N, C-alpha and C. Protein backbone atom coordinates (compact mmCIF):
# COMPACT_ATOMS: atom_id res chain seq x y z
N MET A 1 0.83 -1.19 0.00
CA MET A 1 0.00 0.00 0.00
C MET A 1 0.88 1.26 0.00
N ALA A 2 0.42 2.28 -0.72
CA ALA A 2 1.15 3.54 -0.75
C ALA A 2 1.13 4.19 0.64
N ILE A 3 2.25 4.79 1.01
CA ILE A 3 2.35 5.50 2.28
C ILE A 3 2.17 6.99 2.01
N ILE A 4 1.24 7.61 2.73
CA ILE A 4 0.99 9.03 2.59
C ILE A 4 1.86 9.77 3.60
N HIS A 5 2.75 10.63 3.11
CA HIS A 5 3.64 11.39 3.98
C HIS A 5 3.03 12.76 4.28
N ASN A 6 2.95 13.11 5.54
CA ASN A 6 2.51 14.44 5.93
C ASN A 6 3.72 15.35 5.95
N THR A 7 3.98 15.98 4.81
CA THR A 7 5.19 16.78 4.65
C THR A 7 4.93 17.91 3.69
N THR A 8 5.99 18.61 3.30
CA THR A 8 5.86 19.77 2.43
C THR A 8 6.09 19.40 0.97
N LEU A 9 5.47 20.19 0.08
CA LEU A 9 5.72 20.11 -1.35
C LEU A 9 5.97 21.54 -1.84
N LYS A 10 7.07 21.71 -2.57
CA LYS A 10 7.40 23.03 -3.12
C LYS A 10 7.73 22.88 -4.60
N PRO A 11 6.93 23.50 -5.48
CA PRO A 11 5.63 24.12 -5.22
C PRO A 11 4.58 23.07 -4.88
N THR A 12 3.43 23.50 -4.46
CA THR A 12 2.36 22.56 -4.14
C THR A 12 1.71 22.06 -5.43
N LYS A 13 0.93 21.00 -5.30
CA LYS A 13 0.22 20.47 -6.46
C LYS A 13 -0.73 21.53 -7.04
N LEU A 14 -1.44 22.23 -6.18
CA LEU A 14 -2.39 23.22 -6.68
C LEU A 14 -1.67 24.38 -7.36
N GLU A 15 -0.49 24.72 -6.89
CA GLU A 15 0.28 25.77 -7.57
C GLU A 15 0.67 25.32 -8.96
N LEU A 16 1.07 24.07 -9.11
CA LEU A 16 1.38 23.55 -10.45
C LEU A 16 0.15 23.57 -11.34
N LEU A 17 -0.99 23.14 -10.80
CA LEU A 17 -2.20 23.05 -11.59
C LEU A 17 -2.74 24.42 -11.98
N THR A 18 -2.49 25.43 -11.17
CA THR A 18 -2.95 26.78 -11.49
C THR A 18 -2.34 27.27 -12.80
N THR A 19 -1.11 26.87 -13.06
CA THR A 19 -0.44 27.23 -14.31
C THR A 19 -0.81 26.28 -15.44
N TRP A 20 -0.93 25.00 -15.13
CA TRP A 20 -1.12 23.97 -16.15
C TRP A 20 -2.55 23.90 -16.69
N LEU A 21 -3.54 24.01 -15.83
CA LEU A 21 -4.94 23.84 -16.25
C LEU A 21 -5.35 24.74 -17.41
N PRO A 22 -5.00 26.03 -17.39
CA PRO A 22 -5.45 26.89 -18.49
C PRO A 22 -4.86 26.51 -19.85
N THR A 23 -3.87 25.63 -19.89
CA THR A 23 -3.30 25.19 -21.17
C THR A 23 -4.07 24.02 -21.77
N ARG A 24 -5.07 23.49 -21.07
CA ARG A 24 -5.80 22.31 -21.52
C ARG A 24 -7.03 22.69 -22.34
N PRO A 25 -7.36 21.93 -23.39
CA PRO A 25 -8.54 22.26 -24.20
C PRO A 25 -9.86 22.10 -23.47
N TRP A 26 -9.88 21.33 -22.39
CA TRP A 26 -11.13 21.12 -21.64
C TRP A 26 -11.29 22.10 -20.48
N TYR A 27 -10.35 23.02 -20.33
CA TYR A 27 -10.46 24.05 -19.30
C TYR A 27 -11.47 25.10 -19.75
N VAL A 28 -12.39 25.47 -18.88
CA VAL A 28 -13.48 26.37 -19.26
C VAL A 28 -13.42 27.71 -18.53
N GLY A 29 -12.33 27.98 -17.82
CA GLY A 29 -12.23 29.21 -17.04
C GLY A 29 -11.67 30.38 -17.83
N THR A 30 -11.29 31.40 -17.09
CA THR A 30 -10.81 32.65 -17.69
C THR A 30 -9.30 32.72 -17.82
N GLY A 31 -8.59 31.74 -17.28
CA GLY A 31 -7.14 31.75 -17.35
C GLY A 31 -6.46 31.99 -16.03
N ALA A 32 -7.22 32.27 -14.99
CA ALA A 32 -6.66 32.50 -13.65
C ALA A 32 -7.47 31.70 -12.63
N PRO A 33 -7.31 30.36 -12.62
CA PRO A 33 -8.12 29.54 -11.72
C PRO A 33 -7.81 29.80 -10.25
N GLU A 34 -8.84 29.66 -9.43
CA GLU A 34 -8.69 29.71 -7.98
C GLU A 34 -9.06 28.32 -7.47
N LEU A 35 -8.03 27.53 -7.17
CA LEU A 35 -8.21 26.10 -6.96
C LEU A 35 -8.18 25.69 -5.50
N ALA A 36 -8.94 24.64 -5.21
CA ALA A 36 -8.90 23.97 -3.92
C ALA A 36 -9.04 22.47 -4.18
N LYS A 37 -8.37 21.68 -3.38
CA LYS A 37 -8.52 20.22 -3.51
C LYS A 37 -9.87 19.83 -2.95
N ALA A 38 -10.74 19.30 -3.82
CA ALA A 38 -12.11 18.99 -3.43
C ALA A 38 -12.32 17.52 -3.11
N GLY A 39 -11.43 16.65 -3.59
CA GLY A 39 -11.59 15.23 -3.35
C GLY A 39 -10.71 14.42 -4.28
N GLY A 40 -11.02 13.13 -4.35
CA GLY A 40 -10.26 12.23 -5.20
C GLY A 40 -9.89 10.95 -4.47
N PHE A 41 -9.03 10.17 -5.11
CA PHE A 41 -8.59 8.90 -4.53
C PHE A 41 -7.24 8.54 -5.12
N ARG A 42 -6.66 7.46 -4.61
CA ARG A 42 -5.37 6.98 -5.08
C ARG A 42 -5.47 5.52 -5.52
N LEU A 43 -4.51 5.11 -6.33
CA LEU A 43 -4.31 3.71 -6.66
C LEU A 43 -2.87 3.35 -6.33
N ASP A 44 -2.64 2.09 -6.06
CA ASP A 44 -1.30 1.63 -5.72
C ASP A 44 -0.57 1.11 -6.95
N ASP A 45 0.68 1.49 -7.11
CA ASP A 45 1.56 0.90 -8.10
C ASP A 45 2.08 -0.41 -7.52
N PRO A 46 1.85 -1.57 -8.16
CA PRO A 46 2.33 -2.84 -7.61
C PRO A 46 3.84 -2.86 -7.36
N ALA A 47 4.58 -2.08 -8.16
CA ALA A 47 6.04 -2.03 -7.99
C ALA A 47 6.46 -1.05 -6.90
N GLY A 48 5.54 -0.25 -6.41
CA GLY A 48 5.85 0.68 -5.34
C GLY A 48 6.71 1.85 -5.75
N GLU A 49 6.77 2.16 -7.05
CA GLU A 49 7.66 3.21 -7.52
C GLU A 49 6.93 4.50 -7.88
N VAL A 50 5.71 4.39 -8.38
CA VAL A 50 5.00 5.54 -8.93
C VAL A 50 3.79 5.87 -8.06
N GLY A 51 3.67 7.13 -7.67
CA GLY A 51 2.48 7.58 -6.97
C GLY A 51 1.37 7.84 -7.97
N ILE A 52 0.16 7.39 -7.65
CA ILE A 52 -0.99 7.54 -8.56
C ILE A 52 -2.12 8.21 -7.79
N GLU A 53 -2.53 9.37 -8.26
CA GLU A 53 -3.61 10.11 -7.60
C GLU A 53 -4.60 10.61 -8.64
N PHE A 54 -5.88 10.43 -8.35
CA PHE A 54 -6.95 11.04 -9.14
C PHE A 54 -7.51 12.18 -8.29
N MET A 55 -7.12 13.40 -8.62
CA MET A 55 -7.53 14.56 -7.84
C MET A 55 -8.72 15.25 -8.50
N VAL A 56 -9.66 15.69 -7.67
CA VAL A 56 -10.70 16.60 -8.12
C VAL A 56 -10.33 17.98 -7.59
N ALA A 57 -10.06 18.90 -8.52
CA ALA A 57 -9.69 20.26 -8.15
C ALA A 57 -10.88 21.18 -8.44
N GLY A 58 -11.33 21.87 -7.42
CA GLY A 58 -12.44 22.78 -7.58
C GLY A 58 -11.96 24.19 -7.91
N ASP A 59 -12.56 24.80 -8.93
CA ASP A 59 -12.19 26.15 -9.37
C ASP A 59 -13.35 27.09 -9.12
N THR A 60 -13.14 28.12 -8.31
CA THR A 60 -14.20 29.07 -7.97
C THR A 60 -13.95 30.44 -8.58
N SER A 61 -13.13 30.52 -9.61
CA SER A 61 -12.78 31.82 -10.19
C SER A 61 -13.88 32.39 -11.08
N GLY A 62 -14.77 31.54 -11.59
CA GLY A 62 -15.81 32.00 -12.51
C GLY A 62 -17.14 32.22 -11.82
N PRO A 63 -18.15 32.56 -12.60
CA PRO A 63 -19.48 32.80 -12.02
C PRO A 63 -20.09 31.54 -11.41
N GLU A 64 -19.71 30.36 -11.92
CA GLU A 64 -20.17 29.10 -11.36
C GLU A 64 -18.95 28.23 -11.05
N PRO A 65 -18.93 27.52 -9.91
CA PRO A 65 -17.79 26.65 -9.60
C PRO A 65 -17.70 25.50 -10.59
N VAL A 66 -16.47 25.08 -10.88
CA VAL A 66 -16.22 23.97 -11.80
C VAL A 66 -15.30 22.98 -11.10
N ALA A 67 -15.60 21.69 -11.23
CA ALA A 67 -14.73 20.64 -10.70
C ALA A 67 -14.01 19.97 -11.86
N TYR A 68 -12.69 19.85 -11.76
CA TYR A 68 -11.88 19.21 -12.79
C TYR A 68 -11.28 17.92 -12.24
N LEU A 69 -11.33 16.88 -13.06
CA LEU A 69 -10.65 15.63 -12.73
C LEU A 69 -9.23 15.71 -13.27
N VAL A 70 -8.24 15.52 -12.38
CA VAL A 70 -6.84 15.59 -12.79
C VAL A 70 -6.13 14.33 -12.29
N PRO A 71 -5.97 13.32 -13.14
CA PRO A 71 -5.18 12.15 -12.75
C PRO A 71 -3.69 12.48 -12.83
N LEU A 72 -2.98 12.23 -11.76
CA LEU A 72 -1.56 12.59 -11.69
C LEU A 72 -0.72 11.38 -11.31
N THR A 73 0.47 11.32 -11.86
CA THR A 73 1.46 10.35 -11.38
C THR A 73 2.69 11.12 -10.91
N TYR A 74 3.33 10.56 -9.89
CA TYR A 74 4.50 11.18 -9.28
C TYR A 74 5.67 10.21 -9.37
N ARG A 75 6.75 10.67 -9.97
CA ARG A 75 7.91 9.81 -10.21
C ARG A 75 9.19 10.44 -9.66
N ALA A 76 10.15 9.57 -9.33
CA ALA A 76 11.43 10.02 -8.79
C ALA A 76 12.40 10.42 -9.89
N ALA A 77 12.05 10.16 -11.15
CA ALA A 77 12.88 10.51 -12.30
C ALA A 77 11.96 10.75 -13.47
N PRO A 78 12.41 11.46 -14.50
CA PRO A 78 11.55 11.73 -15.65
C PRO A 78 11.08 10.45 -16.34
N LEU A 79 9.85 10.48 -16.85
CA LEU A 79 9.29 9.38 -17.62
C LEU A 79 9.73 9.57 -19.08
N PRO A 80 10.53 8.65 -19.63
CA PRO A 80 11.03 8.83 -20.99
C PRO A 80 9.91 9.01 -22.01
N GLY A 81 10.09 9.98 -22.88
CA GLY A 81 9.13 10.22 -23.95
C GLY A 81 7.86 10.92 -23.52
N ALA A 82 7.82 11.44 -22.30
CA ALA A 82 6.57 12.04 -21.80
C ALA A 82 6.75 13.52 -21.43
N ASP A 83 7.70 14.19 -22.06
CA ASP A 83 7.89 15.61 -21.76
C ASP A 83 6.62 16.41 -22.00
N HIS A 84 5.83 16.03 -23.02
CA HIS A 84 4.61 16.76 -23.34
C HIS A 84 3.54 16.62 -22.26
N ALA A 85 3.68 15.61 -21.40
CA ALA A 85 2.68 15.34 -20.36
C ALA A 85 3.13 15.81 -18.98
N LEU A 86 4.28 16.47 -18.91
CA LEU A 86 4.79 16.93 -17.61
C LEU A 86 3.97 18.10 -17.10
N VAL A 87 3.40 17.95 -15.92
CA VAL A 87 2.69 19.05 -15.27
C VAL A 87 3.67 19.98 -14.58
N GLY A 88 4.71 19.40 -13.97
CA GLY A 88 5.74 20.19 -13.31
C GLY A 88 6.57 19.34 -12.37
N THR A 89 7.56 19.95 -11.76
CA THR A 89 8.41 19.26 -10.79
C THR A 89 8.22 19.88 -9.42
N MET A 90 8.39 19.05 -8.39
CA MET A 90 8.21 19.48 -7.01
C MET A 90 9.35 18.93 -6.17
N GLU A 91 9.56 19.55 -5.03
CA GLU A 91 10.48 19.04 -4.03
C GLU A 91 9.66 18.51 -2.86
N HIS A 92 9.71 17.19 -2.67
CA HIS A 92 8.96 16.52 -1.61
C HIS A 92 9.82 16.48 -0.36
N GLY A 93 9.21 16.84 0.79
CA GLY A 93 9.98 16.94 2.02
C GLY A 93 10.61 15.65 2.48
N VAL A 94 10.10 14.50 2.04
CA VAL A 94 10.64 13.19 2.42
C VAL A 94 11.31 12.50 1.24
N LEU A 95 10.68 12.53 0.10
CA LEU A 95 11.12 11.75 -1.06
C LEU A 95 12.06 12.51 -2.00
N GLY A 96 12.17 13.83 -1.81
CA GLY A 96 13.06 14.60 -2.67
C GLY A 96 12.38 15.04 -3.96
N PRO A 97 13.14 15.20 -5.05
CA PRO A 97 12.54 15.69 -6.30
C PRO A 97 11.49 14.72 -6.83
N ARG A 98 10.37 15.28 -7.32
CA ARG A 98 9.31 14.48 -7.90
C ARG A 98 8.86 15.12 -9.21
N TRP A 99 8.67 14.28 -10.21
CA TRP A 99 8.15 14.73 -11.50
C TRP A 99 6.68 14.36 -11.56
N ALA A 100 5.82 15.36 -11.76
CA ALA A 100 4.37 15.13 -11.79
C ALA A 100 3.89 15.14 -13.24
N TYR A 101 3.16 14.09 -13.62
CA TYR A 101 2.69 13.93 -15.00
C TYR A 101 1.18 13.87 -15.06
N ASP A 102 0.63 14.32 -16.19
CA ASP A 102 -0.76 14.08 -16.50
C ASP A 102 -0.91 12.57 -16.67
N GLY A 103 -1.61 11.94 -15.71
CA GLY A 103 -1.53 10.49 -15.57
C GLY A 103 -2.06 9.67 -16.72
N VAL A 104 -2.93 10.23 -17.57
CA VAL A 104 -3.46 9.45 -18.68
C VAL A 104 -2.35 9.07 -19.66
N HIS A 105 -1.22 9.78 -19.62
CA HIS A 105 -0.08 9.49 -20.48
C HIS A 105 0.91 8.52 -19.84
N ASP A 106 0.64 8.10 -18.61
CA ASP A 106 1.57 7.25 -17.87
C ASP A 106 1.08 5.80 -17.91
N PRO A 107 1.88 4.87 -18.43
CA PRO A 107 1.42 3.48 -18.54
C PRO A 107 1.09 2.84 -17.20
N VAL A 108 1.73 3.27 -16.12
CA VAL A 108 1.44 2.68 -14.81
C VAL A 108 0.03 3.06 -14.37
N LEU A 109 -0.33 4.32 -14.52
CA LEU A 109 -1.70 4.72 -14.16
C LEU A 109 -2.72 4.03 -15.05
N ARG A 110 -2.46 3.96 -16.35
CA ARG A 110 -3.44 3.33 -17.24
C ARG A 110 -3.68 1.88 -16.86
N ALA A 111 -2.62 1.15 -16.52
CA ALA A 111 -2.77 -0.26 -16.15
C ALA A 111 -3.61 -0.41 -14.90
N GLU A 112 -3.37 0.42 -13.90
CA GLU A 112 -4.11 0.29 -12.65
C GLU A 112 -5.54 0.81 -12.80
N LEU A 113 -5.75 1.78 -13.68
CA LEU A 113 -7.11 2.25 -13.93
C LEU A 113 -7.96 1.16 -14.56
N LEU A 114 -7.41 0.44 -15.53
CA LEU A 114 -8.15 -0.66 -16.15
C LEU A 114 -8.40 -1.78 -15.15
N ALA A 115 -7.43 -2.03 -14.28
CA ALA A 115 -7.63 -3.03 -13.24
C ALA A 115 -8.74 -2.62 -12.28
N LEU A 116 -8.88 -1.32 -12.03
CA LEU A 116 -9.95 -0.83 -11.17
C LEU A 116 -11.30 -1.02 -11.84
N PHE A 117 -11.40 -0.72 -13.13
CA PHE A 117 -12.65 -0.97 -13.86
C PHE A 117 -13.09 -2.42 -13.69
N GLU A 118 -12.15 -3.34 -13.77
CA GLU A 118 -12.46 -4.77 -13.71
C GLU A 118 -12.61 -5.29 -12.28
N GLY A 119 -12.32 -4.45 -11.29
CA GLY A 119 -12.45 -4.87 -9.90
C GLY A 119 -11.28 -5.68 -9.38
N ARG A 120 -10.14 -5.63 -10.07
CA ARG A 120 -8.97 -6.38 -9.64
C ARG A 120 -8.13 -5.63 -8.61
N VAL A 121 -8.35 -4.33 -8.47
CA VAL A 121 -7.69 -3.53 -7.45
C VAL A 121 -8.74 -2.66 -6.78
N GLN A 122 -8.39 -2.05 -5.66
CA GLN A 122 -9.33 -1.25 -4.90
C GLN A 122 -8.82 0.18 -4.80
N ALA A 123 -9.73 1.13 -4.95
CA ALA A 123 -9.38 2.53 -4.78
C ALA A 123 -9.00 2.78 -3.32
N GLN A 124 -8.00 3.65 -3.13
CA GLN A 124 -7.51 3.97 -1.81
C GLN A 124 -7.79 5.43 -1.47
N ALA A 125 -7.95 5.71 -0.18
CA ALA A 125 -8.22 7.07 0.27
C ALA A 125 -7.11 8.01 -0.19
N GLN A 126 -7.49 9.22 -0.51
CA GLN A 126 -6.56 10.18 -1.07
C GLN A 126 -5.49 10.62 -0.08
N SER A 127 -5.84 10.74 1.19
CA SER A 127 -4.92 11.34 2.16
C SER A 127 -4.62 10.45 3.36
N LEU A 128 -5.01 9.16 3.30
CA LEU A 128 -4.76 8.24 4.40
C LEU A 128 -4.06 6.99 3.87
N SER A 129 -3.08 6.49 4.60
CA SER A 129 -2.38 5.27 4.20
C SER A 129 -3.24 4.05 4.50
N ASP A 130 -3.18 3.05 3.60
CA ASP A 130 -3.80 1.75 3.83
C ASP A 130 -5.27 1.86 4.22
N THR A 131 -6.02 2.71 3.49
CA THR A 131 -7.43 2.92 3.78
C THR A 131 -8.22 2.92 2.48
N PRO A 132 -9.09 1.93 2.27
CA PRO A 132 -9.88 1.91 1.04
C PRO A 132 -10.84 3.09 0.95
N ASP A 133 -11.15 3.52 -0.27
CA ASP A 133 -12.12 4.56 -0.51
C ASP A 133 -13.40 3.90 -1.02
N ASP A 134 -14.38 3.77 -0.15
CA ASP A 134 -15.61 3.07 -0.51
C ASP A 134 -16.57 3.92 -1.33
N GLU A 135 -16.26 5.21 -1.51
CA GLU A 135 -17.13 6.06 -2.33
C GLU A 135 -16.87 5.88 -3.83
N VAL A 136 -15.76 5.27 -4.18
CA VAL A 136 -15.44 5.05 -5.59
C VAL A 136 -16.17 3.79 -6.06
N THR A 137 -16.95 3.93 -7.12
CA THR A 137 -17.68 2.80 -7.69
C THR A 137 -17.23 2.59 -9.13
N HIS A 138 -17.34 1.36 -9.60
CA HIS A 138 -16.87 1.02 -10.93
C HIS A 138 -17.66 -0.15 -11.47
N SER A 139 -17.66 -0.27 -12.81
CA SER A 139 -18.30 -1.40 -13.45
C SER A 139 -17.66 -1.63 -14.81
N TRP A 140 -17.73 -2.86 -15.27
CA TRP A 140 -17.27 -3.22 -16.61
C TRP A 140 -18.00 -4.49 -17.01
N THR A 141 -18.70 -4.46 -18.14
CA THR A 141 -19.52 -5.59 -18.55
C THR A 141 -18.92 -6.36 -19.72
N GLY A 142 -17.75 -5.96 -20.19
CA GLY A 142 -17.14 -6.61 -21.34
C GLY A 142 -16.13 -7.68 -20.96
N PRO A 143 -15.38 -8.18 -21.93
CA PRO A 143 -14.34 -9.18 -21.67
C PRO A 143 -13.14 -8.56 -20.99
N ALA A 144 -12.14 -9.39 -20.69
CA ALA A 144 -10.93 -8.90 -20.04
C ALA A 144 -10.30 -7.79 -20.88
N LEU A 145 -9.91 -6.72 -20.21
CA LEU A 145 -9.35 -5.57 -20.91
C LEU A 145 -7.87 -5.77 -21.21
N PRO A 146 -7.43 -5.40 -22.40
CA PRO A 146 -6.01 -5.54 -22.74
C PRO A 146 -5.19 -4.44 -22.09
N ALA A 147 -3.91 -4.68 -21.93
CA ALA A 147 -3.02 -3.68 -21.35
C ALA A 147 -2.83 -2.54 -22.34
N ALA A 148 -2.80 -1.32 -21.81
CA ALA A 148 -2.54 -0.13 -22.63
C ALA A 148 -1.10 0.28 -22.42
N GLU A 149 -0.18 -0.58 -22.83
CA GLU A 149 1.24 -0.35 -22.61
C GLU A 149 1.87 0.28 -23.85
N GLY A 150 3.11 0.73 -23.68
CA GLY A 150 3.83 1.28 -24.80
C GLY A 150 3.25 2.61 -25.26
N PRO A 151 3.69 3.09 -26.42
CA PRO A 151 3.18 4.36 -26.93
C PRO A 151 1.69 4.29 -27.23
N VAL A 152 0.93 5.20 -26.67
CA VAL A 152 -0.52 5.27 -26.88
C VAL A 152 -0.87 6.70 -27.25
N GLU A 153 -1.65 6.87 -28.29
CA GLU A 153 -2.06 8.22 -28.68
C GLU A 153 -3.25 8.65 -27.83
N VAL A 154 -3.07 9.74 -27.12
CA VAL A 154 -4.12 10.31 -26.29
C VAL A 154 -4.66 11.54 -26.99
N THR A 155 -5.96 11.60 -27.18
CA THR A 155 -6.58 12.77 -27.78
C THR A 155 -7.15 13.67 -26.69
N GLU A 156 -7.06 14.96 -26.92
CA GLU A 156 -7.58 15.95 -25.97
C GLU A 156 -8.54 16.86 -26.70
N ASP A 157 -9.72 17.06 -26.15
CA ASP A 157 -10.67 18.00 -26.72
C ASP A 157 -11.45 18.65 -25.58
N GLN A 158 -12.47 19.43 -25.93
CA GLN A 158 -13.21 20.16 -24.91
C GLN A 158 -13.98 19.24 -23.97
N ASP A 159 -14.16 17.97 -24.35
CA ASP A 159 -14.90 17.03 -23.52
C ASP A 159 -14.01 16.19 -22.62
N GLY A 160 -12.69 16.26 -22.80
CA GLY A 160 -11.81 15.49 -21.94
C GLY A 160 -10.70 14.81 -22.71
N SER A 161 -10.26 13.66 -22.21
CA SER A 161 -9.14 12.92 -22.79
C SER A 161 -9.60 11.53 -23.18
N GLY A 162 -9.13 11.04 -24.33
CA GLY A 162 -9.53 9.72 -24.79
C GLY A 162 -8.38 8.96 -25.39
N LEU A 163 -8.49 7.64 -25.37
CA LEU A 163 -7.51 6.79 -26.03
C LEU A 163 -8.19 5.49 -26.41
N ARG A 164 -7.58 4.80 -27.36
CA ARG A 164 -8.10 3.54 -27.85
C ARG A 164 -7.23 2.40 -27.34
N LEU A 165 -7.84 1.40 -26.70
CA LEU A 165 -7.12 0.23 -26.24
C LEU A 165 -6.82 -0.69 -27.43
N PRO A 166 -5.87 -1.63 -27.27
CA PRO A 166 -5.50 -2.50 -28.40
C PRO A 166 -6.66 -3.28 -29.00
N ASP A 167 -7.71 -3.57 -28.21
CA ASP A 167 -8.85 -4.32 -28.76
C ASP A 167 -9.93 -3.41 -29.34
N GLY A 168 -9.67 -2.11 -29.38
CA GLY A 168 -10.62 -1.16 -29.92
C GLY A 168 -11.52 -0.50 -28.90
N THR A 169 -11.51 -0.97 -27.66
CA THR A 169 -12.31 -0.33 -26.61
C THR A 169 -11.84 1.11 -26.40
N ALA A 170 -12.78 2.02 -26.30
CA ALA A 170 -12.46 3.43 -26.12
C ALA A 170 -12.54 3.80 -24.64
N LEU A 171 -11.47 4.37 -24.12
CA LEU A 171 -11.41 4.87 -22.75
C LEU A 171 -11.47 6.38 -22.79
N ARG A 172 -12.36 6.96 -22.01
CA ARG A 172 -12.46 8.42 -21.94
C ARG A 172 -12.45 8.87 -20.49
N LEU A 173 -11.61 9.86 -20.20
CA LEU A 173 -11.60 10.53 -18.91
C LEU A 173 -12.38 11.82 -19.04
N HIS A 174 -13.40 11.96 -18.22
CA HIS A 174 -14.26 13.14 -18.24
C HIS A 174 -13.66 14.17 -17.29
N ARG A 175 -12.91 15.10 -17.86
CA ARG A 175 -12.16 16.05 -17.03
C ARG A 175 -13.07 16.96 -16.22
N ILE A 176 -14.26 17.22 -16.72
CA ILE A 176 -15.32 17.81 -15.90
C ILE A 176 -16.32 16.67 -15.67
N PRO A 177 -16.33 16.07 -14.49
CA PRO A 177 -17.12 14.86 -14.26
C PRO A 177 -18.58 15.02 -14.67
N LEU A 178 -19.12 13.93 -15.24
CA LEU A 178 -20.50 13.93 -15.71
C LEU A 178 -21.46 13.63 -14.56
N PRO A 179 -22.68 14.16 -14.62
CA PRO A 179 -23.65 13.88 -13.55
C PRO A 179 -24.18 12.45 -13.59
N THR A 180 -24.23 11.85 -14.78
CA THR A 180 -24.75 10.48 -14.92
C THR A 180 -23.90 9.72 -15.93
N VAL A 181 -24.03 8.40 -15.92
CA VAL A 181 -23.31 7.56 -16.88
C VAL A 181 -23.91 7.77 -18.26
N PRO A 182 -23.11 8.09 -19.28
CA PRO A 182 -23.66 8.32 -20.61
C PRO A 182 -24.22 7.05 -21.23
N GLU A 183 -25.22 7.21 -22.06
CA GLU A 183 -25.83 6.07 -22.74
C GLU A 183 -24.81 5.36 -23.62
N GLY A 184 -24.84 4.05 -23.59
CA GLY A 184 -23.94 3.27 -24.43
C GLY A 184 -22.62 2.91 -23.79
N ALA A 185 -22.35 3.40 -22.58
CA ALA A 185 -21.10 3.07 -21.91
C ALA A 185 -21.11 1.61 -21.46
N SER A 186 -20.00 0.91 -21.70
CA SER A 186 -19.87 -0.47 -21.26
C SER A 186 -19.30 -0.57 -19.85
N GLY A 187 -18.71 0.50 -19.39
CA GLY A 187 -18.16 0.53 -18.04
C GLY A 187 -18.01 1.97 -17.58
N HIS A 188 -17.98 2.17 -16.28
CA HIS A 188 -17.81 3.52 -15.77
C HIS A 188 -17.09 3.50 -14.44
N LEU A 189 -16.52 4.66 -14.09
CA LEU A 189 -15.85 4.89 -12.82
C LEU A 189 -16.39 6.19 -12.25
N SER A 190 -16.90 6.14 -11.03
CA SER A 190 -17.50 7.32 -10.41
C SER A 190 -16.91 7.54 -9.02
N GLY A 191 -16.99 8.78 -8.56
CA GLY A 191 -16.48 9.11 -7.24
C GLY A 191 -17.17 10.34 -6.69
N ALA A 192 -16.71 10.80 -5.53
CA ALA A 192 -17.35 11.91 -4.83
C ALA A 192 -16.32 12.96 -4.45
N TRP A 193 -16.81 14.19 -4.26
CA TRP A 193 -15.95 15.29 -3.83
C TRP A 193 -16.80 16.33 -3.13
N ASP A 194 -16.14 17.31 -2.51
CA ASP A 194 -16.83 18.37 -1.78
C ASP A 194 -17.11 19.55 -2.71
N ALA A 195 -18.36 19.99 -2.76
CA ALA A 195 -18.72 21.20 -3.48
C ALA A 195 -18.35 22.42 -2.63
N PRO A 196 -18.22 23.61 -3.26
CA PRO A 196 -17.85 24.80 -2.49
C PRO A 196 -18.80 25.13 -1.35
N ASP A 197 -20.07 24.72 -1.46
CA ASP A 197 -21.02 25.01 -0.37
C ASP A 197 -20.96 23.99 0.76
N GLY A 198 -20.01 23.05 0.66
CA GLY A 198 -19.83 22.07 1.73
C GLY A 198 -20.60 20.78 1.54
N THR A 199 -21.45 20.71 0.54
CA THR A 199 -22.17 19.47 0.28
C THR A 199 -21.28 18.47 -0.44
N ARG A 200 -21.66 17.21 -0.35
CA ARG A 200 -20.93 16.15 -1.02
C ARG A 200 -21.65 15.82 -2.32
N THR A 201 -20.92 15.77 -3.41
CA THR A 201 -21.53 15.50 -4.71
C THR A 201 -20.79 14.37 -5.40
N ARG A 202 -21.44 13.75 -6.38
CA ARG A 202 -20.86 12.62 -7.10
C ARG A 202 -20.86 12.91 -8.60
N GLY A 203 -19.99 12.22 -9.30
CA GLY A 203 -19.95 12.34 -10.75
C GLY A 203 -19.19 11.19 -11.37
N VAL A 204 -19.29 11.10 -12.69
CA VAL A 204 -18.62 10.04 -13.47
C VAL A 204 -17.28 10.56 -13.92
N PHE A 205 -16.21 9.87 -13.51
CA PHE A 205 -14.85 10.26 -13.82
C PHE A 205 -14.37 9.71 -15.17
N ALA A 206 -14.76 8.50 -15.47
CA ALA A 206 -14.24 7.85 -16.68
C ALA A 206 -15.23 6.80 -17.17
N THR A 207 -15.19 6.56 -18.48
CA THR A 207 -16.07 5.54 -19.07
C THR A 207 -15.30 4.71 -20.09
N LEU A 208 -15.80 3.51 -20.31
CA LEU A 208 -15.31 2.63 -21.35
C LEU A 208 -16.46 2.36 -22.30
N ARG A 209 -16.13 2.29 -23.59
CA ARG A 209 -17.16 2.05 -24.60
C ARG A 209 -16.60 1.02 -25.61
N THR A 210 -17.34 -0.04 -25.82
CA THR A 210 -16.94 -1.06 -26.79
C THR A 210 -17.38 -0.62 -28.18
N LEU A 211 -16.42 -0.54 -29.09
CA LEU A 211 -16.72 -0.05 -30.44
C LEU A 211 -16.92 -1.21 -31.41
C-alpha cells in the first residue's frame, strides 16, 4: 500500500495546476483559476515506484464553480518520452525531487485504472495510508481488458481525454465529471468530492465504450 507522507511540497500540487490547467482544451475558465482540492482517490503501483492520484480540483474563479478531474502520477525521475505530459516538478519533504505527470499518459496509471474498472484492485483514500475509498464505484460488462502499454495516442478536446485500447475499446476521462453515466457506456468509474457550499456531490470520472 502507498504511504501518505505528511510533509511539504514546493511548489504545491495546486500551484502547479494553477499554471497547467489553463493550457488544456477542456479548461473552461478565464485563465486564472482559484483552486482547492475537493476530493479524489489513489491507486497503488504494484512495484511501489509511482504515486498515482486522481484529484478533483475545484475552481471558484468563474461565475459558477467547476470541478476538474486531474489524474496525476509522481515519479522520482523523468518518464522517458513524456515531456509533453509533464505538469511540473516538485520538491517533496521526504522523497526529494518528484516529476508530476498528467496520468493518462503514464502506462502505470493506465494499467491500474483498467484493473480498477475490472475490480482487480481497490481505490484507496486520497490522504490516508492503507485505507480503502468506498465512495469510488466502478463497473465493466465486457471481456478482459487488454493492457494499454507502450506508446498510446491520447486525444484531448473540450470534452476530456480519450484513447483507444489495443482491442478497440475506447477509454475516456471526463475532465469535468458527468452527472450520470452516458448512454452506451460499457463501463464507468464514479467518485465523490466536496462542493464549495460544503455538500458532497458525485460524478462520473471515466467511461469505457466497446466499439
